[in-house]
């Protein structure tokens, strides 16, 4: 990630009308860690435990941004991203792929499936929040 691309200070959103973020993540500890961190910045998070749930919740809630784990049960993140991109109301919703896969070609697979950005785990939360703020600006 090019750090100069991101703003220096991180904005805390008003709790009156917080942006709704869909987090698709099957690991409970990752869910807790990500939710706890992002809620400090005023985001409202909806959690999906697998790819099928992610597609269903994305269609129901129509979040402002989606954080998508790639390795999940029932339907992987790549399939879920592709399915979400078929929903007319969500075509332009920013999707950030979150993955432990850092091999050559993994980023291309995520972007080809329809993700806008690719972030490897372990997550650098300051960079993730800056990227999210850029997506939501």
C-alpha atoms as a PDB file:
ATOM      1  CA  UNK A   1       0.000   0.000   0.000  1.00  0.00           C
ATOM      2  CA  UNK A   2       1.228   3.449  -0.849  1.00  0.00           C
ATOM      3  CA  UNK A   3       0.966   5.240   2.489  1.00  0.00           C
ATOM      4  CA  UNK A   4       0.993   8.701   0.899  1.00  0.00           C
ATOM      5  CA  UNK A   5      -2.301   7.791  -0.776  1.00  0.00           C
ATOM      6  CA  UNK A   6      -4.093   7.752   2.564  1.00  0.00           C
ATOM      7  CA  UNK A   7      -5.022  10.708   4.771  1.00  0.00           C
ATOM      8  CA  UNK A   8      -2.808  11.268   7.806  1.00  0.00           C
ATOM      9  CA  UNK A   9      -5.501  11.580  10.446  1.00  0.00           C
ATOM     10  CA  UNK A  10      -8.333   9.140  10.943  1.00  0.00           C
ATOM     11  CA  UNK A  11     -11.839  10.515  11.342  1.00  0.00           C
ATOM     12  CA  UNK A  12     -14.269   9.218  13.936  1.00  0.00           C
ATOM     13  CA  UNK A  13     -17.781   9.097  12.459  1.00  0.00           C
ATOM     14  CA  UNK A  14     -20.766  10.541  14.276  1.00  0.00           C
ATOM     15  CA  UNK A  15     -22.763   7.851  16.029  1.00  0.00           C
ATOM     16  CA  UNK A  16     -25.987   9.547  14.873  1.00  0.00           C
ATOM     17  CA  UNK A  17     -25.851   7.998  11.402  1.00  0.00           C
ATOM     18  CA  UNK A  18     -22.809   5.693  11.231  1.00  0.00           C
ATOM     19  CA  UNK A  19     -21.856   4.064   7.925  1.00  0.00           C
ATOM     20  CA  UNK A  20     -23.014   0.430   7.862  1.00  0.00           C
ATOM     21  CA  UNK A  21     -20.189  -1.968   7.035  1.00  0.00           C
ATOM     22  CA  UNK A  22     -20.703  -5.645   6.210  1.00  0.00           C
ATOM     23  CA  UNK A  23     -17.927  -7.839   7.600  1.00  0.00           C
ATOM     24  CA  UNK A  24     -17.842 -11.300   6.022  1.00  0.00           C
ATOM     25  CA  UNK A  25     -15.503 -13.323   8.239  1.00  0.00           C
ATOM     26  CA  UNK A  26     -15.845 -16.883   9.534  1.00  0.00           C
ATOM     27  CA  UNK A  27     -13.291 -16.700  12.366  1.00  0.00           C
ATOM     28  CA  UNK A  28     -14.957 -15.539  15.597  1.00  0.00           C
ATOM     29  CA  UNK A  29     -11.803 -13.978  17.072  1.00  0.00           C
ATOM     30  CA  UNK A  30     -11.189 -12.043  13.849  1.00  0.00           C
ATOM     31  CA  UNK A  31     -14.814 -10.872  13.954  1.00  0.00           C
ATOM     32  CA  UNK A  32     -14.390  -9.575  17.512  1.00  0.00           C
ATOM     33  CA  UNK A  33     -11.061  -7.897  16.815  1.00  0.00           C
ATOM     34  CA  UNK A  34     -12.204  -6.171  13.623  1.00  0.00           C
ATOM     35  CA  UNK A  35     -15.579  -5.108  15.049  1.00  0.00           C
ATOM     36  CA  UNK A  36     -14.064  -3.773  18.270  1.00  0.00           C
ATOM     37  CA  UNK A  37     -11.489  -1.734  16.384  1.00  0.00           C
ATOM     38  CA  UNK A  38     -13.827  -0.304  13.754  1.00  0.00           C
ATOM     39  CA  UNK A  39     -16.623   0.528  16.195  1.00  0.00           C
ATOM     40  CA  UNK A  40     -14.193   2.927  17.920  1.00  0.00           C
ATOM     41  CA  UNK A  41     -14.234   4.909  14.652  1.00  0.00           C
ATOM     42  CA  UNK A  42     -18.021   5.045  14.670  1.00  0.00           C
ATOM     43  CA  UNK A  43     -18.763   2.347  12.106  1.00  0.00           C
ATOM     44  CA  UNK A  44     -21.815   0.116  12.498  1.00  0.00           C
ATOM     45  CA  UNK A  45     -20.939  -3.475  11.590  1.00  0.00           C
ATOM     46  CA  UNK A  46     -23.103  -6.341  10.389  1.00  0.00           C
ATOM     47  CA  UNK A  47     -21.348  -9.731  10.475  1.00  0.00           C
ATOM     48  CA  UNK A  48     -21.757 -12.614   8.030  1.00  0.00           C
ATOM     49  CA  UNK A  49     -20.199 -15.972   8.971  1.00  0.00           C
ATOM     50  CA  UNK A  50     -19.824 -17.398   5.462  1.00  0.00           C
ATOM     51  CA  UNK A  51     -20.117 -16.421   1.812  1.00  0.00           C
ATOM     52  CA  UNK A  52     -23.785 -17.346   1.412  1.00  0.00           C
ATOM     53  CA  UNK A  53     -24.711 -15.264   4.450  1.00  0.00           C
ATOM     54  CA  UNK A  54     -22.577 -12.405   3.086  1.00  0.00           C
ATOM     55  CA  UNK A  55     -24.512 -12.298  -0.187  1.00  0.00           C
ATOM     56  CA  UNK A  56     -27.873 -12.481   1.619  1.00  0.00           C
ATOM     57  CA  UNK A  57     -26.989  -9.765   4.148  1.00  0.00           C
ATOM     58  CA  UNK A  58     -25.448  -7.533   1.484  1.00  0.00           C
ATOM     59  CA  UNK A  59     -28.680  -7.662  -0.504  1.00  0.00           C
ATOM     60  CA  UNK A  60     -30.857  -7.046   2.582  1.00  0.00           C
ATOM     61  CA  UNK A  61     -28.790  -4.312   4.259  1.00  0.00           C
ATOM     62  CA  UNK A  62     -27.094  -2.669   1.249  1.00  0.00           C
ATOM     63  CA  UNK A  63     -24.025  -1.609   3.255  1.00  0.00           C
ATOM     64  CA  UNK A  64     -21.834   1.372   2.394  1.00  0.00           C
ATOM     65  CA  UNK A  65     -18.764  -0.906   2.258  1.00  0.00           C
ATOM     66  CA  UNK A  66     -18.006  -4.632   2.441  1.00  0.00           C
ATOM     67  CA  UNK A  67     -14.998  -6.272   4.109  1.00  0.00           C
ATOM     68  CA  UNK A  68     -14.750  -9.771   2.620  1.00  0.00           C
ATOM     69  CA  UNK A  69     -12.623 -12.620   3.943  1.00  0.00           C
ATOM     70  CA  UNK A  70     -11.622 -14.836   1.029  1.00  0.00           C
ATOM     71  CA  UNK A  71     -11.381 -18.215   2.780  1.00  0.00           C
ATOM     72  CA  UNK A  72     -14.840 -19.029   4.183  1.00  0.00           C
ATOM     73  CA  UNK A  73     -17.127 -22.072   4.361  1.00  0.00           C
ATOM     74  CA  UNK A  74     -20.197 -22.754   2.197  1.00  0.00           C
ATOM     75  CA  UNK A  75     -19.167 -20.150  -0.409  1.00  0.00           C
ATOM     76  CA  UNK A  76     -15.714 -18.611  -0.548  1.00  0.00           C
ATOM     77  CA  UNK A  77     -15.130 -14.876  -0.663  1.00  0.00           C
ATOM     78  CA  UNK A  78     -14.337 -14.829  -4.384  1.00  0.00           C
ATOM     79  CA  UNK A  79     -17.677 -16.455  -5.219  1.00  0.00           C
ATOM     80  CA  UNK A  80     -19.476 -14.148  -2.783  1.00  0.00           C
ATOM     81  CA  UNK A  81     -17.875 -11.052  -4.341  1.00  0.00           C
ATOM     82  CA  UNK A  82     -18.878 -12.204  -7.818  1.00  0.00           C
ATOM     83  CA  UNK A  83     -22.458 -12.859  -6.627  1.00  0.00           C
ATOM     84  CA  UNK A  84     -22.677  -9.451  -4.927  1.00  0.00           C
ATOM     85  CA  UNK A  85     -21.499  -7.753  -8.111  1.00  0.00           C
ATOM     86  CA  UNK A  86     -24.547  -9.261  -9.870  1.00  0.00           C
ATOM     87  CA  UNK A  87     -26.915  -7.353  -7.554  1.00  0.00           C
ATOM     88  CA  UNK A  88     -27.703  -4.049  -9.327  1.00  0.00           C
ATOM     89  CA  UNK A  89     -27.903  -2.007  -6.098  1.00  0.00           C
ATOM     90  CA  UNK A  90     -24.441  -3.222  -5.025  1.00  0.00           C
ATOM     91  CA  UNK A  91     -22.492  -2.912  -8.268  1.00  0.00           C
ATOM     92  CA  UNK A  92     -20.669   0.192  -7.020  1.00  0.00           C
ATOM     93  CA  UNK A  93     -20.388  -0.740  -3.338  1.00  0.00           C
ATOM     94  CA  UNK A  94     -16.698  -0.799  -2.380  1.00  0.00           C
ATOM     95  CA  UNK A  95     -15.435  -4.268  -1.469  1.00  0.00           C
ATOM     96  CA  UNK A  96     -12.155  -4.769   0.361  1.00  0.00           C
ATOM     97  CA  UNK A  97     -10.846  -8.343   0.198  1.00  0.00           C
ATOM     98  CA  UNK A  98      -9.228  -9.455   3.472  1.00  0.00           C
ATOM     99  CA  UNK A  99      -7.026 -12.488   3.108  1.00  0.00           C
ATOM    100  CA  UNK A 100      -4.110 -14.443   4.496  1.00  0.00           C
ATOM    101  CA  UNK A 101      -3.330 -15.422   0.892  1.00  0.00           C
ATOM    102  CA  UNK A 102      -0.326 -13.387  -0.170  1.00  0.00           C
ATOM    103  CA  UNK A 103       0.946 -15.514  -3.025  1.00  0.00           C
ATOM    104  CA  UNK A 104       1.563 -14.169  -6.480  1.00  0.00           C
ATOM    105  CA  UNK A 105      -1.752 -14.011  -8.319  1.00  0.00           C
ATOM    106  CA  UNK A 106      -3.971 -13.845  -5.212  1.00  0.00           C
ATOM    107  CA  UNK A 107      -4.468 -10.091  -5.487  1.00  0.00           C
ATOM    108  CA  UNK A 108      -5.364 -10.437  -9.169  1.00  0.00           C
ATOM    109  CA  UNK A 109      -7.941 -13.148  -8.353  1.00  0.00           C
ATOM    110  CA  UNK A 110      -9.617 -10.879  -5.796  1.00  0.00           C
ATOM    111  CA  UNK A 111      -9.704  -7.879  -8.111  1.00  0.00           C
ATOM    112  CA  UNK A 112     -10.919  -9.988 -11.044  1.00  0.00           C
ATOM    113  CA  UNK A 113     -13.776 -11.335  -8.883  1.00  0.00           C
ATOM    114  CA  UNK A 114     -14.882  -7.740  -8.276  1.00  0.00           C
ATOM    115  CA  UNK A 115     -13.065  -6.542  -5.158  1.00  0.00           C
ATOM    116  CA  UNK A 116     -11.900  -2.942  -5.286  1.00  0.00           C
ATOM    117  CA  UNK A 117      -8.992  -3.448  -2.898  1.00  0.00           C
ATOM    118  CA  UNK A 118      -6.907  -6.267  -1.427  1.00  0.00           C
ATOM    119  CA  UNK A 119      -5.573  -6.254   2.150  1.00  0.00           C
ATOM    120  CA  UNK A 120      -3.448  -9.072   3.548  1.00  0.00           C
ATOM    121  CA  UNK A 121      -3.693 -10.454   7.059  1.00  0.00           C
ATOM    122  CA  UNK A 122      -2.488  -9.741   9.634  1.00  0.00           C
ATOM    123  CA  UNK A 123      -4.392  -6.500   9.151  1.00  0.00           C
ATOM    124  CA  UNK A 124      -2.700  -3.171   9.786  1.00  0.00           C
ATOM    125  CA  UNK A 125      -5.781  -1.481  11.223  1.00  0.00           C
ATOM    126  CA  UNK A 126      -4.619   2.107  10.766  1.00  0.00           C
ATOM    127  CA  UNK A 127      -4.101   1.435   7.042  1.00  0.00           C
ATOM    128  CA  UNK A 128      -7.443  -0.394   6.792  1.00  0.00           C
ATOM    129  CA  UNK A 129      -9.352   2.493   8.390  1.00  0.00           C
ATOM    130  CA  UNK A 130      -7.598   4.992   6.110  1.00  0.00           C
ATOM    131  CA  UNK A 131      -8.545   2.873   3.076  1.00  0.00           C
ATOM    132  CA  UNK A 132     -12.150   2.586   4.277  1.00  0.00           C
ATOM    133  CA  UNK A 133     -12.380   6.335   4.802  1.00  0.00           C
ATOM    134  CA  UNK A 134     -11.043   6.881   1.295  1.00  0.00           C
ATOM    135  CA  UNK A 135     -13.667   4.476  -0.118  1.00  0.00           C
ATOM    136  CA  UNK A 136     -16.482   6.206   1.762  1.00  0.00           C
ATOM    137  CA  UNK A 137     -15.409   9.778   0.932  1.00  0.00           C
END
